[in-house]
Amino acid sequence: MTLAKSFVKKAFVGTRENLSESELNHLLQQYQGNHSYYFLRWADRVSGVIENLPDSLSPEGQMFNADLEIRWKRKGDKYNVLLLSEYDNDYPEFNGFDRFPQTWQAETRNAKFYTATETRFPKEFIYPEKLNFGQRYFKDQDTGIVHFVALTILDPKEA
């Protein structure tokens, strides 16, 4: 990862628990936006960064775009969801999430993927090379401790 320009904003971190697969699909569609991407995880493989969600969900995964990242993890037949957004309550739907009590700041930085031949993954790692990826650090404003790091898409002017 490369460290370059960074941008700090007030942020939102919240959770929802015990969603059915159809509720999670609806939630993902609700926040999808124009340019969302997915990273899906199974016990034996990862999807790489893909543009379309398959018909059935993976046990774990994340959807991300320029504004937010949604992570999910299956627990039994339900899903728990974490929402990380650089915008604090700009979406009225955030009201359905249990807000973490801290005052959050999001700091966005440039990121760089490893080459396709990097051995950190068992198979070649797939991602759209045309995208300008970034990382968003979610910090507790009072302590400065980073609790979450999310993928994001950067505007080419920000890189």
Protein backbone atom coordinates (compact mmCIF):
# COMPACT_ATOMS: atom_id res chain seq x y z
CA MET A 1 0.00 0.00 0.00
CA THR A 2 1.19 3.49 -0.71
CA LEU A 3 0.58 6.42 1.57
CA ALA A 4 -0.24 9.60 -0.24
CA LYS A 5 -2.87 12.27 0.11
CA SER A 6 -5.36 11.71 2.90
CA PHE A 7 -8.78 13.19 3.51
CA VAL A 8 -10.43 13.22 6.97
CA LYS A 9 -14.22 13.40 7.44
CA LYS A 10 -16.75 12.63 10.16
CA ALA A 11 -17.95 9.06 9.61
CA PHE A 12 -20.59 6.45 10.46
CA VAL A 13 -20.02 2.93 11.81
CA GLY A 14 -22.99 0.70 12.60
CA THR A 15 -24.28 -2.87 12.64
CA ARG A 16 -27.43 -4.84 11.90
CA GLU A 17 -27.88 -8.41 13.06
CA ASN A 18 -29.91 -11.47 12.13
CA LEU A 19 -30.79 -10.53 8.55
CA SER A 20 -32.16 -13.20 6.23
CA GLU A 21 -30.46 -13.71 2.87
CA SER A 22 -33.28 -11.81 1.13
CA GLU A 23 -33.00 -8.92 3.63
CA LEU A 24 -29.24 -8.75 3.03
CA ASN A 25 -29.75 -8.80 -0.75
CA HIS A 26 -32.27 -5.96 -0.41
CA LEU A 27 -29.82 -3.99 1.76
CA LEU A 28 -27.01 -4.46 -0.77
CA GLN A 29 -29.29 -3.29 -3.61
CA GLN A 30 -30.39 -0.29 -1.53
CA TYR A 31 -26.80 0.96 -1.11
CA GLN A 32 -25.40 -0.29 -4.38
CA GLY A 33 -24.99 3.07 -6.11
CA ASN A 34 -23.57 3.47 -9.60
CA HIS A 35 -20.19 1.81 -9.16
CA SER A 36 -20.16 -0.84 -6.46
CA TYR A 37 -17.82 -3.79 -6.29
CA TYR A 38 -17.82 -7.02 -4.31
CA PHE A 39 -15.22 -9.17 -2.60
CA LEU A 40 -16.61 -12.57 -1.59
CA ARG A 41 -15.08 -15.19 0.70
CA TRP A 42 -15.71 -18.89 1.12
CA ALA A 43 -13.72 -21.35 3.24
CA ASP A 44 -11.72 -22.51 0.20
CA ARG A 45 -11.53 -19.45 -2.10
CA VAL A 46 -12.06 -15.75 -2.67
CA SER A 47 -13.73 -14.05 -5.63
CA GLY A 48 -11.31 -11.22 -6.16
CA VAL A 49 -12.90 -7.82 -6.80
CA ILE A 50 -15.95 -8.35 -9.01
CA GLU A 51 -18.63 -6.04 -10.40
CA ASN A 52 -21.70 -8.29 -10.10
CA LEU A 53 -23.05 -10.18 -7.12
CA PRO A 54 -23.74 -13.86 -7.90
CA ASP A 55 -27.22 -15.32 -7.36
CA SER A 56 -26.30 -16.87 -4.02
CA LEU A 57 -24.36 -15.02 -1.34
CA SER A 58 -21.02 -16.14 0.02
CA PRO A 59 -20.78 -16.83 3.77
CA GLU A 60 -18.65 -13.68 4.12
CA GLY A 61 -18.13 -10.73 1.88
CA GLN A 62 -18.15 -7.03 1.32
CA MET A 63 -19.63 -4.53 -1.08
CA PHE A 64 -17.84 -1.23 -1.48
CA ASN A 65 -18.08 1.96 -3.50
CA ALA A 66 -16.84 5.54 -3.19
CA ASP A 67 -19.13 6.26 -0.20
CA LEU A 68 -19.31 3.14 1.95
CA GLU A 69 -18.48 -0.48 2.60
CA ILE A 70 -20.92 -3.13 3.78
CA ARG A 71 -19.48 -6.32 5.26
CA TRP A 72 -21.50 -9.41 6.03
CA LYS A 73 -20.87 -12.69 7.81
CA ARG A 74 -23.24 -15.63 8.03
CA LYS A 75 -24.13 -16.95 11.50
CA GLY A 76 -26.27 -20.07 11.11
CA ASP A 77 -28.97 -19.17 8.58
CA LYS A 78 -28.78 -15.39 9.25
CA TYR A 79 -26.28 -12.64 8.45
CA ASN A 80 -24.67 -9.95 10.58
CA VAL A 81 -23.75 -6.73 8.80
CA LEU A 82 -21.22 -3.94 9.45
CA LEU A 83 -21.66 -0.60 7.65
CA LEU A 84 -18.69 1.75 7.30
CA SER A 85 -19.47 5.09 5.66
CA GLU A 86 -17.50 8.27 5.20
CA TYR A 87 -20.80 10.13 5.57
CA ASP A 88 -22.35 10.47 9.01
CA ASN A 89 -26.11 9.88 8.68
CA ASP A 90 -26.44 11.27 5.14
CA TYR A 91 -28.60 8.25 4.32
CA PRO A 92 -31.93 8.07 6.22
CA GLU A 93 -31.65 4.27 6.08
CA PHE A 94 -28.73 4.43 8.53
CA ASN A 95 -31.46 4.68 11.18
CA GLY A 96 -31.93 0.90 10.86
CA PHE A 97 -28.34 0.35 12.02
CA ASP A 98 -27.12 0.27 15.61
CA ARG A 99 -24.53 3.04 15.70
CA PHE A 100 -21.25 2.35 17.44
CA PRO A 101 -21.00 4.86 20.30
CA GLN A 102 -17.67 6.45 19.37
CA THR A 103 -17.35 9.64 17.35
CA TRP A 104 -15.80 8.36 14.13
CA GLN A 105 -13.49 9.92 11.60
CA ALA A 106 -12.76 8.47 8.17
CA GLU A 107 -9.40 9.09 6.59
CA THR A 108 -9.08 8.10 2.93
CA ARG A 109 -5.73 7.17 1.41
CA ASN A 110 -4.44 5.76 -1.84
CA ALA A 111 -3.95 2.00 -2.07
CA LYS A 112 -2.13 -0.31 -4.43
CA PHE A 113 -2.92 -3.95 -5.08
CA TYR A 114 -0.27 -6.62 -5.19
CA THR A 115 0.59 -7.94 -8.64
CA ALA A 116 -1.45 -10.84 -10.03
CA THR A 117 1.51 -13.18 -9.46
CA GLU A 118 1.85 -12.35 -5.75
CA THR A 119 1.74 -15.57 -3.72
CA ARG A 120 -0.45 -14.28 -0.89
CA PHE A 121 -3.47 -15.90 -2.57
CA PRO A 122 -3.73 -19.53 -3.75
CA LYS A 123 -4.85 -18.50 -7.26
CA GLU A 124 -4.37 -15.45 -9.42
CA PHE A 125 -6.10 -12.49 -7.78
CA ILE A 126 -8.75 -10.87 -9.99
CA TYR A 127 -9.53 -7.15 -9.91
CA PRO A 128 -10.38 -4.46 -12.48
CA GLU A 129 -7.07 -2.76 -13.26
CA LYS A 130 -8.81 0.40 -14.47
CA LEU A 131 -10.07 1.23 -10.99
CA ASN A 132 -8.41 3.68 -8.64
CA PHE A 133 -8.61 1.81 -5.31
CA GLY A 134 -8.19 3.43 -1.92
CA GLN A 135 -8.39 2.54 1.74
CA ARG A 136 -10.55 4.30 4.29
CA TYR A 137 -9.37 4.21 7.90
CA PHE A 138 -12.12 4.49 10.54
CA LYS A 139 -10.68 6.05 13.69
CA ASP A 140 -12.11 6.84 17.10
CA GLN A 141 -11.89 10.64 17.16
CA ASP A 142 -11.08 10.73 20.89
CA THR A 143 -8.30 8.13 20.95
CA GLY A 144 -7.03 8.22 17.36
CA ILE A 145 -7.13 4.41 17.26
CA VAL A 146 -7.97 2.87 13.87
CA HIS A 147 -10.64 0.19 14.35
CA PHE A 148 -11.56 -0.62 10.72
CA VAL A 149 -9.97 -0.35 7.29
CA ALA A 150 -12.36 -0.39 4.31
CA LEU A 151 -11.83 -0.58 0.58
CA THR A 152 -13.06 2.37 -1.47
CA ILE A 153 -12.95 3.75 -4.99
CA LEU A 154 -11.16 7.08 -5.38
CA ASP A 155 -11.98 9.84 -7.80
CA PRO A 156 -8.97 10.06 -10.17
CA LYS A 157 -8.50 13.71 -9.08
CA GLU A 158 -7.86 12.56 -5.49
CA ALA A 159 -5.08 10.11 -6.32
